[in-house]
Amino acid sequence: MKELDNFYKYLEGKGYSLNTILSYQKDLNQFKEYCKDIKIKEIDYNFIRTYLQFLHNKKYTNKSIARHISSLKSFFKYLTKTEVIKENPCLLISNPKIEKKLPNYINYNDLEVLFSIPDKNDVLGLRNLLILELLYSCGVRVSELVNIKISDIDFINNRILILGKGNKERFVLYGKVCSDLLKEYLNKSRSKLNKDSDYLLLNKFGNKITDRAIRMIIDDIVKKSSLKLNISPHTLRHTFATHLLNEGADLKIVQELLGHENISTTGIYTHVSNEHLRKVYLDAHPRARR
């Protein structure tokens, strides 16, 4: 379908990530197959509602259905914008209510265990430790981490220029521990991998490291530890935000550091922080223990 191909090219031109575009493709291809199966002639509001009921009957979660709605809305908005269709059939479609799942994060002690696993005396071990440190110290997404170039790093002010979602730029900060580790990696490991590459993090062949490789590295580190936790690169991003709020950081500052467009997205971490405060109160206050 020509319109779908044009839509994906449009998304690519707007700076959407490959993973996001692939997600759109998966949802819209499923919708296309559904249209073929029932031989629909016209797609209107009622038909979209019928399709969503079909997904519900197939036991799709509300979160998954909401993602399908988002894909459909974006596609039909594009079709109206490019004047392929006159009316958007998704205009009045609303998302189902989604239970907010609290983000998973790592406590301070478990974090120390995790950071003790990579061997700093090994070329790749030092790199792996820096990967953990950057994810935790800067709160970056793994897709942002792999694209950091040496030229993006401001070594004087301890900050890194990040290219985030929708090609939006922001600065993230890092402290002394990360600064020392970064310099050690550049002097000892990176020069042995490929001193001429523009990118900060490299694989064993001296090429830019991938998202998938970083996920595999973290999986391996967790397996070697005594931790019985489900930890991903995004868990370290959650941990970054949660620990900042637990230590009294302003929500607006955390929003800017994470690169969230809406503060409501960052607000989920306040629930975690409130739970932490509740636990501290119950453990510490004499009246609460009775």
Protein backbone atom coordinates (compact mmCIF):
# COMPACT_ATOMS: atom_id res chain seq x y z
CA MET A 1 0.00 0.00 0.00
CA LYS A 2 1.60 3.22 -1.23
CA GLU A 3 0.11 5.39 1.53
CA LEU A 4 1.67 3.22 4.24
CA ASP A 5 5.12 3.38 2.65
CA ASN A 6 4.82 7.17 2.33
CA PHE A 7 3.74 7.37 5.98
CA TYR A 8 6.83 5.45 7.16
CA LYS A 9 9.07 7.73 5.10
CA TYR A 10 7.30 10.72 6.67
CA LEU A 11 8.00 9.36 10.16
CA GLU A 12 11.63 8.77 9.28
CA GLY A 13 11.92 12.35 8.05
CA LYS A 14 10.42 13.61 11.32
CA GLY A 15 13.21 11.88 13.27
CA TYR A 16 11.25 8.94 14.68
CA SER A 17 13.44 6.06 15.87
CA LEU A 18 13.62 2.79 13.95
CA ASN A 19 11.95 0.94 16.83
CA THR A 20 9.01 3.35 16.82
CA ILE A 21 8.56 3.03 13.04
CA LEU A 22 8.70 -0.78 13.29
CA SER A 23 6.04 -0.63 16.00
CA TYR A 24 3.79 1.44 13.70
CA GLN A 25 4.40 -1.04 10.87
CA LYS A 26 3.42 -4.00 13.04
CA ASP A 27 0.17 -2.38 14.19
CA LEU A 28 -0.83 -1.02 10.79
CA ASN A 29 -0.02 -4.27 8.96
CA GLN A 30 -2.34 -6.08 11.36
CA PHE A 31 -5.05 -3.50 10.68
CA LYS A 32 -4.51 -3.90 6.92
CA GLU A 33 -4.93 -7.70 7.18
CA TYR A 34 -8.12 -7.24 9.18
CA CYS A 35 -9.49 -4.95 6.46
CA LYS A 36 -8.67 -7.56 3.81
CA ASP A 37 -10.31 -10.40 5.75
CA ILE A 38 -13.68 -8.68 6.06
CA LYS A 39 -13.41 -6.94 2.65
CA ILE A 40 -14.23 -3.50 3.96
CA LYS A 41 -15.12 -0.81 1.43
CA GLU A 42 -15.11 2.26 3.68
CA ILE A 43 -13.21 2.95 6.88
CA ASP A 44 -15.24 5.14 9.22
CA TYR A 45 -15.62 5.73 12.97
CA ASN A 46 -17.87 2.68 13.44
CA PHE A 47 -15.45 0.42 11.61
CA ILE A 48 -12.57 1.56 13.80
CA ARG A 49 -14.71 0.80 16.86
CA THR A 50 -15.43 -2.68 15.46
CA TYR A 51 -11.71 -3.28 14.97
CA LEU A 52 -10.93 -2.22 18.53
CA GLN A 53 -13.64 -4.60 19.78
CA PHE A 54 -11.96 -7.33 17.73
CA LEU A 55 -8.67 -6.63 19.54
CA HIS A 56 -10.49 -6.67 22.89
CA ASN A 57 -12.07 -10.05 22.06
CA LYS A 58 -8.61 -11.35 21.21
CA LYS A 59 -7.64 -10.57 24.84
CA TYR A 60 -5.34 -7.65 23.98
CA THR A 61 -4.48 -5.58 27.05
CA ASN A 62 -5.70 -2.00 27.34
CA LYS A 63 -2.10 -0.86 27.00
CA SER A 64 -1.69 -2.77 23.73
CA ILE A 65 -5.03 -1.49 22.38
CA ALA A 66 -3.98 2.07 23.27
CA ARG A 67 -0.80 1.57 21.24
CA HIS A 68 -2.86 0.37 18.24
CA ILE A 69 -5.12 3.42 18.59
CA SER A 70 -2.06 5.68 18.63
CA SER A 71 -0.74 4.06 15.44
CA LEU A 72 -4.09 4.40 13.69
CA LYS A 73 -4.55 8.01 14.80
CA SER A 74 -1.11 8.98 13.54
CA PHE A 75 -1.67 7.27 10.19
CA PHE A 76 -5.10 8.76 9.53
CA LYS A 77 -3.96 12.18 10.70
CA TYR A 78 -1.19 11.93 8.10
CA LEU A 79 -3.75 10.93 5.41
CA THR A 80 -5.94 13.96 6.18
CA LYS A 81 -2.91 16.25 6.29
CA THR A 82 -1.79 15.06 2.85
CA GLU A 83 -5.42 15.28 1.61
CA VAL A 84 -5.63 11.56 0.76
CA ILE A 85 -8.87 11.47 2.80
CA LYS A 86 -11.23 14.25 3.87
CA GLU A 87 -12.29 13.08 7.34
CA ASN A 88 -10.26 11.37 10.04
CA PRO A 89 -12.22 8.29 11.28
CA CYS A 90 -10.16 8.21 14.48
CA LEU A 91 -10.91 11.76 15.54
CA LEU A 92 -13.43 10.79 18.23
CA ILE A 93 -11.72 7.55 19.30
CA SER A 94 -10.55 7.66 22.93
CA ASN A 95 -7.98 5.49 24.65
CA PRO A 96 -9.01 2.80 27.14
CA LYS A 97 -8.13 3.40 30.78
CA ILE A 98 -4.69 2.04 31.55
CA GLU A 99 -3.49 1.05 34.99
CA LYS A 100 -0.27 2.93 35.69
CA LYS A 101 2.49 0.47 36.45
CA LEU A 102 5.09 1.78 38.86
CA PRO A 103 8.56 1.81 37.29
CA ASN A 104 10.98 -0.85 38.46
CA TYR A 105 14.13 0.53 40.08
CA ILE A 106 17.21 -0.73 41.95
CA ASN A 107 17.98 0.09 45.57
CA TYR A 108 21.38 1.48 46.57
CA ASN A 109 22.81 -1.79 47.90
CA ASP A 110 21.82 -3.83 44.84
CA LEU A 111 23.21 -1.10 42.62
CA GLU A 112 26.62 -1.47 44.31
CA VAL A 113 26.49 -5.23 43.70
CA LEU A 114 25.74 -4.63 40.02
CA PHE A 115 28.60 -2.16 39.63
CA SER A 116 31.08 -4.55 41.28
CA ILE A 117 30.76 -7.19 38.53
CA PRO A 118 32.61 -5.67 35.49
CA ASP A 119 36.42 -6.07 35.66
CA LYS A 120 38.05 -2.64 35.32
CA ASN A 121 41.37 -4.25 34.38
CA ASP A 122 39.81 -5.71 31.24
CA VAL A 123 39.34 -3.58 28.10
CA LEU A 124 35.70 -4.56 27.63
CA GLY A 125 35.06 -4.77 31.38
CA LEU A 126 35.99 -1.11 31.81
CA ARG A 127 33.70 -0.21 28.91
CA ASN A 128 30.84 -2.23 30.45
CA LEU A 129 31.28 -0.44 33.78
CA LEU A 130 31.09 2.90 31.97
CA ILE A 131 27.88 1.77 30.24
CA LEU A 132 26.29 1.10 33.65
CA GLU A 133 27.58 4.39 35.03
CA LEU A 134 26.31 6.51 32.14
CA LEU A 135 22.86 4.89 32.24
CA TYR A 136 22.60 5.52 35.99
CA SER A 137 24.42 8.87 36.27
CA CYS A 138 22.80 10.50 33.25
CA GLY A 139 19.43 8.72 33.00
CA VAL A 140 19.74 8.41 29.22
CA ARG A 141 17.78 6.00 27.06
CA VAL A 142 19.82 3.15 25.57
CA SER A 143 19.06 4.52 22.07
CA GLU A 144 20.59 7.85 23.16
CA LEU A 145 23.58 6.20 24.81
CA VAL A 146 24.77 4.35 21.70
CA ASN A 147 24.73 7.60 19.68
CA ILE A 148 26.94 9.66 22.02
CA LYS A 149 29.99 10.98 20.19
CA ILE A 150 33.21 12.22 21.77
CA SER A 151 32.40 15.67 20.40
CA ASP A 152 29.12 15.66 22.39
CA ILE A 153 30.97 15.56 25.71
CA ASP A 154 31.80 18.79 27.54
CA PHE A 155 34.64 17.59 29.80
CA ILE A 156 35.00 20.99 31.50
CA ASN A 157 31.40 21.28 32.69
CA ASN A 158 30.76 17.52 33.03
CA ARG A 159 27.82 17.40 30.67
CA ILE A 160 26.83 15.58 27.48
CA LEU A 161 24.71 16.81 24.58
CA ILE A 162 22.03 14.20 23.89
CA LEU A 163 19.91 13.84 20.77
CA GLY A 164 16.60 12.54 22.09
CA LYS A 165 13.21 11.58 20.70
CA GLY A 166 12.02 13.67 17.75
CA ASN A 167 15.59 14.99 17.26
CA LYS A 168 15.26 17.16 20.39
CA GLU A 169 18.54 18.09 22.02
CA ARG A 170 19.19 18.35 25.76
CA PHE A 171 22.17 18.34 28.10
CA VAL A 172 22.59 15.65 30.75
CA LEU A 173 25.03 15.98 33.63
CA TYR A 174 27.48 13.57 35.23
CA GLY A 175 29.48 13.63 38.47
CA LYS A 176 33.03 12.88 39.62
CA VAL A 177 32.67 9.08 39.66
CA CYS A 178 31.47 9.05 36.05
CA SER A 179 34.06 11.68 35.07
CA ASP A 180 36.96 9.60 36.43
CA LEU A 181 35.63 6.43 34.81
CA LEU A 182 35.10 8.20 31.48
CA LYS A 183 38.70 9.45 31.40
CA GLU A 184 40.01 6.02 32.39
CA TYR A 185 37.99 4.36 29.61
CA LEU A 186 39.21 6.85 27.00
CA ASN A 187 42.84 6.37 28.04
CA LYS A 188 42.90 2.62 28.59
CA SER A 189 40.12 0.92 26.62
CA ARG A 190 38.77 3.02 23.78
CA SER A 191 42.20 3.75 22.32
CA LYS A 192 42.72 -0.03 21.99
CA LEU A 193 39.33 -0.59 20.36
CA ASN A 194 39.39 2.20 17.77
CA LYS A 195 40.90 5.60 18.53
CA ASP A 196 39.65 7.07 15.24
CA SER A 197 35.90 6.42 15.74
CA ASP A 198 33.59 9.38 16.42
CA TYR A 199 31.44 7.34 18.82
CA LEU A 200 32.14 6.97 22.53
CA LEU A 201 31.07 3.37 23.08
CA LEU A 202 32.50 0.72 20.77
CA ASN A 203 32.18 -3.05 20.42
CA LYS A 204 35.10 -5.49 20.43
CA PHE A 205 35.58 -4.92 16.69
CA GLY A 206 35.98 -1.17 17.17
CA ASN A 207 32.59 -0.30 15.69
CA LYS A 208 29.73 1.68 17.22
CA ILE A 209 27.96 -0.49 19.81
CA THR A 210 24.27 -1.37 19.29
CA ASP A 211 21.20 -1.20 21.55
CA ARG A 212 20.94 -4.98 21.44
CA ALA A 213 24.58 -5.44 22.46
CA ILE A 214 24.10 -3.20 25.51
CA ARG A 215 21.03 -5.18 26.57
CA MET A 216 23.02 -8.41 26.26
CA ILE A 217 25.91 -6.91 28.28
CA ILE A 218 23.56 -5.93 31.11
CA ASP A 219 21.85 -9.34 31.02
CA ASP A 220 25.28 -10.96 31.38
CA ILE A 221 26.27 -8.69 34.29
CA VAL A 222 23.02 -9.49 36.12
CA LYS A 223 23.54 -13.24 35.61
CA LYS A 224 27.03 -13.01 37.11
CA SER A 225 25.71 -11.16 40.15
CA SER A 226 23.72 -12.59 43.05
CA LEU A 227 20.76 -10.38 42.20
CA LYS A 228 17.43 -12.02 41.43
CA LEU A 229 16.10 -8.97 39.64
CA ASN A 230 14.80 -8.18 36.17
CA ILE A 231 17.18 -5.40 35.12
CA SER A 232 17.30 -3.70 31.72
CA PRO A 233 18.96 -0.47 30.52
CA HIS A 234 15.65 1.29 31.16
CA THR A 235 15.67 0.05 34.78
CA LEU A 236 18.79 2.16 35.32
CA ARG A 237 16.98 5.17 33.84
CA HIS A 238 14.10 4.55 36.27
CA THR A 239 16.65 4.23 39.09
CA PHE A 240 18.28 7.53 38.12
CA ALA A 241 14.95 9.38 38.34
CA THR A 242 13.75 7.64 41.52
CA HIS A 243 16.99 8.22 43.42
CA LEU A 244 17.05 11.91 42.47
CA LEU A 245 13.50 12.42 43.75
CA ASN A 246 14.21 10.40 46.91
CA GLU A 247 17.12 12.74 47.61
CA GLY A 248 14.94 15.84 47.20
CA ALA A 249 15.38 16.83 43.53
CA ASP A 250 12.69 19.00 41.95
CA LEU A 251 10.33 17.14 39.60
CA LYS A 252 10.75 19.79 36.88
CA ILE A 253 14.54 19.33 36.91
CA VAL A 254 14.17 15.55 36.65
CA GLN A 255 11.78 16.06 33.72
CA GLU A 256 14.38 18.13 31.86
CA LEU A 257 17.17 15.64 32.56
CA LEU A 258 15.05 12.73 31.33
CA GLY A 259 13.93 14.62 28.24
CA HIS A 260 10.21 14.13 28.92
CA GLU A 261 7.99 16.46 26.90
CA ASN A 262 5.21 16.39 29.51
CA ILE A 263 5.74 16.55 33.26
CA SER A 264 2.88 14.05 33.70
CA THR A 265 5.20 11.40 32.25
CA THR A 266 7.78 12.17 34.92
CA GLY A 267 5.05 12.23 37.57
CA ILE A 268 4.94 8.43 37.75
CA TYR A 269 8.21 8.56 39.71
CA THR A 270 6.61 10.58 42.47
CA HIS A 271 4.48 7.53 43.31
CA VAL A 272 7.65 5.51 43.83
CA SER A 273 9.18 8.33 45.84
CA ASN A 274 6.06 8.58 48.00
CA GLU A 275 6.21 4.85 48.68
CA HIS A 276 9.82 5.29 49.79
CA LEU A 277 8.82 8.12 52.15
CA ARG A 278 6.01 6.00 53.55
CA LYS A 279 8.41 3.11 54.26
CA VAL A 280 10.93 5.42 55.93
CA TYR A 281 8.17 6.90 58.09
CA LEU A 282 6.78 3.51 59.14
CA ASP A 283 10.27 2.21 59.92
CA ALA A 284 11.50 5.31 61.76
CA HIS A 285 8.62 6.95 63.63
CA PRO A 286 8.02 5.53 67.13
CA ARG A 287 4.24 5.99 66.89
CA ALA A 288 4.10 4.33 63.48
CA ARG A 289 5.71 1.12 64.79
CA ARG A 290 3.07 0.51 67.45
